[in-house]
């Protein structure tokens, strides 16, 4: 891991860090779209761009997210930087689990599964290993259930794709 990546993970616990990066999400979304998911979060953490269907608008909605690979899938978390409300993209996935991700220059159709029980615990460990600040975000969220999603590739990508 780079020095900048290590520093970023340490700063991730600071409240100002999340507030500042929330302001940069539109720019990150644009860079991710233009690079087809090759450059997201400045390449500091493994990231993808998820495109969900807006639960009210029916329109595509794209958001950059940190992810961890898990077998043939991708694991993401609705931490919303520790805010007390659910992120819109997570609510969209609950309403319509079909989505697409741009990751490392590939577009992959996925189906979102909400993790529960022992599977949630296992995926939580993968996530906090990659981004320890998730522990801090849980505290800040004030008791809000922070959902963990496993994004499972569908169609032809499922059998031949290696998400790493």
C-alpha atoms as a PDB file:
ATOM      1  CA  UNK A   1       0.000   0.000   0.000  1.00  0.00           C
ATOM      2  CA  UNK A   2       1.245   3.473  -0.823  1.00  0.00           C
ATOM      3  CA  UNK A   3       2.102   6.077   1.804  1.00  0.00           C
ATOM      4  CA  UNK A   4      -0.796   8.190   0.535  1.00  0.00           C
ATOM      5  CA  UNK A   5      -3.153   5.212   0.805  1.00  0.00           C
ATOM      6  CA  UNK A   6      -2.033   4.562   4.386  1.00  0.00           C
ATOM      7  CA  UNK A   7      -2.499   8.217   5.297  1.00  0.00           C
ATOM      8  CA  UNK A   8      -5.947   8.253   3.691  1.00  0.00           C
ATOM      9  CA  UNK A   9      -7.023   5.233   5.766  1.00  0.00           C
ATOM     10  CA  UNK A  10      -5.861   6.973   8.960  1.00  0.00           C
ATOM     11  CA  UNK A  11      -7.611  10.221   8.098  1.00  0.00           C
ATOM     12  CA  UNK A  12     -10.789   8.320   7.234  1.00  0.00           C
ATOM     13  CA  UNK A  13     -11.753   8.294  10.935  1.00  0.00           C
ATOM     14  CA  UNK A  14     -11.840  12.091  11.151  1.00  0.00           C
ATOM     15  CA  UNK A  15     -15.262  13.720  10.873  1.00  0.00           C
ATOM     16  CA  UNK A  16     -13.940  16.501   8.619  1.00  0.00           C
ATOM     17  CA  UNK A  17     -12.541  13.896   6.216  1.00  0.00           C
ATOM     18  CA  UNK A  18     -15.938  12.404   5.422  1.00  0.00           C
ATOM     19  CA  UNK A  19     -17.546  15.843   5.159  1.00  0.00           C
ATOM     20  CA  UNK A  20     -14.847  17.021   2.759  1.00  0.00           C
ATOM     21  CA  UNK A  21     -14.913  13.930   0.566  1.00  0.00           C
ATOM     22  CA  UNK A  22     -18.712  14.029   0.315  1.00  0.00           C
ATOM     23  CA  UNK A  23     -18.210  17.352  -1.476  1.00  0.00           C
ATOM     24  CA  UNK A  24     -15.846  15.665  -3.949  1.00  0.00           C
ATOM     25  CA  UNK A  25     -18.225  12.812  -4.859  1.00  0.00           C
ATOM     26  CA  UNK A  26     -19.637  14.580  -7.962  1.00  0.00           C
ATOM     27  CA  UNK A  27     -16.110  15.050  -9.337  1.00  0.00           C
ATOM     28  CA  UNK A  28     -15.207  11.453  -8.445  1.00  0.00           C
ATOM     29  CA  UNK A  29     -18.395  10.268 -10.168  1.00  0.00           C
ATOM     30  CA  UNK A  30     -17.417  12.161 -13.339  1.00  0.00           C
ATOM     31  CA  UNK A  31     -13.837  10.839 -13.348  1.00  0.00           C
ATOM     32  CA  UNK A  32     -15.133   7.312 -12.758  1.00  0.00           C
ATOM     33  CA  UNK A  33     -17.590   7.613 -15.635  1.00  0.00           C
ATOM     34  CA  UNK A  34     -14.996   9.080 -18.012  1.00  0.00           C
ATOM     35  CA  UNK A  35     -12.450   6.364 -17.179  1.00  0.00           C
ATOM     36  CA  UNK A  36     -15.064   3.563 -17.142  1.00  0.00           C
ATOM     37  CA  UNK A  37     -14.260   2.788 -13.530  1.00  0.00           C
ATOM     38  CA  UNK A  38     -10.487   2.655 -14.015  1.00  0.00           C
ATOM     39  CA  UNK A  39      -9.879   5.694 -11.793  1.00  0.00           C
ATOM     40  CA  UNK A  40     -12.157   6.163  -8.809  1.00  0.00           C
ATOM     41  CA  UNK A  41     -11.193   7.661  -5.435  1.00  0.00           C
ATOM     42  CA  UNK A  42      -7.917   8.735  -7.060  1.00  0.00           C
ATOM     43  CA  UNK A  43      -6.899   5.085  -7.074  1.00  0.00           C
ATOM     44  CA  UNK A  44      -6.225   5.208  -3.313  1.00  0.00           C
ATOM     45  CA  UNK A  45      -8.663   2.427  -2.415  1.00  0.00           C
ATOM     46  CA  UNK A  46     -10.325  -0.265  -4.532  1.00  0.00           C
ATOM     47  CA  UNK A  47     -13.367   1.487  -5.960  1.00  0.00           C
ATOM     48  CA  UNK A  48     -16.113   0.977  -8.496  1.00  0.00           C
ATOM     49  CA  UNK A  49     -18.944   3.036  -9.903  1.00  0.00           C
ATOM     50  CA  UNK A  50     -22.368   1.525  -9.278  1.00  0.00           C
ATOM     51  CA  UNK A  51     -25.347   2.477 -11.412  1.00  0.00           C
ATOM     52  CA  UNK A  52     -28.701   1.825  -9.785  1.00  0.00           C
ATOM     53  CA  UNK A  53     -32.232   2.659 -10.890  1.00  0.00           C
ATOM     54  CA  UNK A  54     -33.708   5.568  -8.939  1.00  0.00           C
ATOM     55  CA  UNK A  55     -36.557   4.210  -6.827  1.00  0.00           C
ATOM     56  CA  UNK A  56     -38.715   7.308  -7.409  1.00  0.00           C
ATOM     57  CA  UNK A  57     -37.409   8.681 -10.709  1.00  0.00           C
ATOM     58  CA  UNK A  58     -36.716   5.419 -12.530  1.00  0.00           C
ATOM     59  CA  UNK A  59     -33.579   7.126 -13.890  1.00  0.00           C
ATOM     60  CA  UNK A  60     -30.033   5.696 -13.723  1.00  0.00           C
ATOM     61  CA  UNK A  61     -28.047   6.947 -10.720  1.00  0.00           C
ATOM     62  CA  UNK A  62     -24.276   6.448 -10.524  1.00  0.00           C
ATOM     63  CA  UNK A  63     -22.127   6.574  -7.398  1.00  0.00           C
ATOM     64  CA  UNK A  64     -18.467   5.794  -6.713  1.00  0.00           C
ATOM     65  CA  UNK A  65     -17.999   3.284  -3.884  1.00  0.00           C
ATOM     66  CA  UNK A  66     -15.167   1.512  -2.140  1.00  0.00           C
ATOM     67  CA  UNK A  67     -15.501  -2.242  -2.625  1.00  0.00           C
ATOM     68  CA  UNK A  68     -13.781  -5.440  -1.645  1.00  0.00           C
ATOM     69  CA  UNK A  69     -13.730  -8.451  -3.946  1.00  0.00           C
ATOM     70  CA  UNK A  70     -15.364 -11.630  -2.663  1.00  0.00           C
ATOM     71  CA  UNK A  71     -15.092 -14.607  -4.964  1.00  0.00           C
ATOM     72  CA  UNK A  72     -16.965 -13.667  -8.123  1.00  0.00           C
ATOM     73  CA  UNK A  73     -18.693 -10.714  -6.439  1.00  0.00           C
ATOM     74  CA  UNK A  74     -18.111  -7.259  -5.044  1.00  0.00           C
ATOM     75  CA  UNK A  75     -18.917  -6.166  -1.488  1.00  0.00           C
ATOM     76  CA  UNK A  76     -20.081  -2.613  -0.757  1.00  0.00           C
ATOM     77  CA  UNK A  77     -21.452  -0.944   2.351  1.00  0.00           C
ATOM     78  CA  UNK A  78     -24.090   1.758   2.822  1.00  0.00           C
ATOM     79  CA  UNK A  79     -22.077   3.653   5.438  1.00  0.00           C
ATOM     80  CA  UNK A  80     -22.794   7.096   3.932  1.00  0.00           C
ATOM     81  CA  UNK A  81     -19.658   8.387   5.711  1.00  0.00           C
ATOM     82  CA  UNK A  82     -21.369   7.724   9.060  1.00  0.00           C
ATOM     83  CA  UNK A  83     -24.333  10.009   8.400  1.00  0.00           C
ATOM     84  CA  UNK A  84     -27.588   9.196  10.168  1.00  0.00           C
ATOM     85  CA  UNK A  85     -29.519   8.560   6.946  1.00  0.00           C
ATOM     86  CA  UNK A  86     -29.230   5.781   4.390  1.00  0.00           C
ATOM     87  CA  UNK A  87     -27.451   6.593   1.135  1.00  0.00           C
ATOM     88  CA  UNK A  88     -29.767   6.912  -1.845  1.00  0.00           C
ATOM     89  CA  UNK A  89     -27.958   4.234  -3.840  1.00  0.00           C
ATOM     90  CA  UNK A  90     -28.604   1.686  -1.044  1.00  0.00           C
ATOM     91  CA  UNK A  91     -32.305   2.554  -0.957  1.00  0.00           C
ATOM     92  CA  UNK A  92     -32.368   2.166  -4.744  1.00  0.00           C
ATOM     93  CA  UNK A  93     -30.837  -1.326  -4.460  1.00  0.00           C
ATOM     94  CA  UNK A  94     -33.431  -2.341  -1.885  1.00  0.00           C
ATOM     95  CA  UNK A  95     -36.188  -1.270  -4.289  1.00  0.00           C
ATOM     96  CA  UNK A  96     -34.491  -2.724  -7.402  1.00  0.00           C
ATOM     97  CA  UNK A  97     -31.562  -5.119  -6.814  1.00  0.00           C
ATOM     98  CA  UNK A  98     -30.476  -5.141 -10.480  1.00  0.00           C
ATOM     99  CA  UNK A  99     -27.593  -2.749 -11.122  1.00  0.00           C
ATOM    100  CA  UNK A 100     -24.372  -2.327 -13.083  1.00  0.00           C
ATOM    101  CA  UNK A 101     -20.855  -1.680 -11.899  1.00  0.00           C
ATOM    102  CA  UNK A 102     -17.912  -0.161 -13.739  1.00  0.00           C
ATOM    103  CA  UNK A 103     -14.778  -1.644 -12.263  1.00  0.00           C
ATOM    104  CA  UNK A 104     -11.303  -1.609 -13.709  1.00  0.00           C
ATOM    105  CA  UNK A 105     -12.604  -0.616 -17.121  1.00  0.00           C
ATOM    106  CA  UNK A 106     -15.314  -3.294 -17.327  1.00  0.00           C
ATOM    107  CA  UNK A 107     -19.072  -2.877 -17.043  1.00  0.00           C
ATOM    108  CA  UNK A 108     -20.707  -5.784 -15.231  1.00  0.00           C
ATOM    109  CA  UNK A 109     -24.416  -6.406 -14.628  1.00  0.00           C
ATOM    110  CA  UNK A 110     -24.972  -7.387 -10.985  1.00  0.00           C
ATOM    111  CA  UNK A 111     -27.723  -8.385  -8.591  1.00  0.00           C
ATOM    112  CA  UNK A 112     -27.512  -6.975  -5.062  1.00  0.00           C
ATOM    113  CA  UNK A 113     -27.974  -9.264  -2.068  1.00  0.00           C
ATOM    114  CA  UNK A 114     -28.270  -7.793   1.433  1.00  0.00           C
ATOM    115  CA  UNK A 115     -25.914  -9.667   3.759  1.00  0.00           C
ATOM    116  CA  UNK A 116     -27.284 -11.013   7.050  1.00  0.00           C
ATOM    117  CA  UNK A 117     -26.124 -13.165   9.948  1.00  0.00           C
ATOM    118  CA  UNK A 118     -22.798 -14.958   9.715  1.00  0.00           C
ATOM    119  CA  UNK A 119     -22.361 -13.875   6.077  1.00  0.00           C
ATOM    120  CA  UNK A 120     -22.708 -10.221   7.126  1.00  0.00           C
ATOM    121  CA  UNK A 121     -20.117 -10.738   9.868  1.00  0.00           C
ATOM    122  CA  UNK A 122     -17.692 -12.298   7.378  1.00  0.00           C
ATOM    123  CA  UNK A 123     -18.151  -9.492   4.853  1.00  0.00           C
ATOM    124  CA  UNK A 124     -17.857  -6.850   7.599  1.00  0.00           C
ATOM    125  CA  UNK A 125     -14.384  -8.183   8.413  1.00  0.00           C
ATOM    126  CA  UNK A 126     -13.357  -7.897   4.755  1.00  0.00           C
ATOM    127  CA  UNK A 127     -14.625  -4.310   4.632  1.00  0.00           C
ATOM    128  CA  UNK A 128     -12.972  -3.067   7.831  1.00  0.00           C
ATOM    129  CA  UNK A 129      -9.706  -4.681   6.815  1.00  0.00           C
ATOM    130  CA  UNK A 130      -9.766  -2.499   3.696  1.00  0.00           C
ATOM    131  CA  UNK A 131     -11.239   0.638   5.355  1.00  0.00           C
ATOM    132  CA  UNK A 132     -10.951   0.614   9.175  1.00  0.00           C
ATOM    133  CA  UNK A 133     -12.923   3.886   9.413  1.00  0.00           C
ATOM    134  CA  UNK A 134     -16.131   1.904   8.853  1.00  0.00           C
ATOM    135  CA  UNK A 135     -16.012   1.147  12.588  1.00  0.00           C
ATOM    136  CA  UNK A 136     -16.087   4.894  13.273  1.00  0.00           C
ATOM    137  CA  UNK A 137     -18.916   5.384  10.774  1.00  0.00           C
ATOM    138  CA  UNK A 138     -21.061   2.844  12.649  1.00  0.00           C
ATOM    139  CA  UNK A 139     -20.652   4.896  15.839  1.00  0.00           C
ATOM    140  CA  UNK A 140     -21.509   8.154  14.044  1.00  0.00           C
ATOM    141  CA  UNK A 141     -24.579   6.670  12.346  1.00  0.00           C
ATOM    142  CA  UNK A 142     -26.384   6.705  15.698  1.00  0.00           C
ATOM    143  CA  UNK A 143     -27.842   3.209  15.628  1.00  0.00           C
ATOM    144  CA  UNK A 144     -28.829   3.258  11.949  1.00  0.00           C
ATOM    145  CA  UNK A 145     -28.557  -0.156  10.360  1.00  0.00           C
ATOM    146  CA  UNK A 146     -25.654   0.052   7.934  1.00  0.00           C
ATOM    147  CA  UNK A 147     -26.405  -2.410   5.190  1.00  0.00           C
ATOM    148  CA  UNK A 148     -23.784  -4.538   3.498  1.00  0.00           C
ATOM    149  CA  UNK A 149     -24.448  -5.664  -0.060  1.00  0.00           C
ATOM    150  CA  UNK A 150     -22.826  -8.429  -2.042  1.00  0.00           C
ATOM    151  CA  UNK A 151     -23.052  -7.603  -5.727  1.00  0.00           C
ATOM    152  CA  UNK A 152     -23.248 -10.840  -7.695  1.00  0.00           C
ATOM    153  CA  UNK A 153     -22.454 -10.765 -11.419  1.00  0.00           C
ATOM    154  CA  UNK A 154     -25.279 -11.976 -13.664  1.00  0.00           C
ATOM    155  CA  UNK A 155     -25.301 -13.340 -17.199  1.00  0.00           C
ATOM    156  CA  UNK A 156     -22.126 -14.139 -19.111  1.00  0.00           C
ATOM    157  CA  UNK A 157     -19.885 -12.111 -16.766  1.00  0.00           C
ATOM    158  CA  UNK A 158     -20.701 -14.389 -13.827  1.00  0.00           C
ATOM    159  CA  UNK A 159     -18.776 -17.419 -14.957  1.00  0.00           C
ATOM    160  CA  UNK A 160     -15.774 -15.753 -16.543  1.00  0.00           C
ATOM    161  CA  UNK A 161     -15.194 -12.596 -14.520  1.00  0.00           C
ATOM    162  CA  UNK A 162     -12.477 -12.197 -11.945  1.00  0.00           C
ATOM    163  CA  UNK A 163     -13.310  -9.061  -9.916  1.00  0.00           C
ATOM    164  CA  UNK A 164      -9.769  -8.588  -8.676  1.00  0.00           C
END
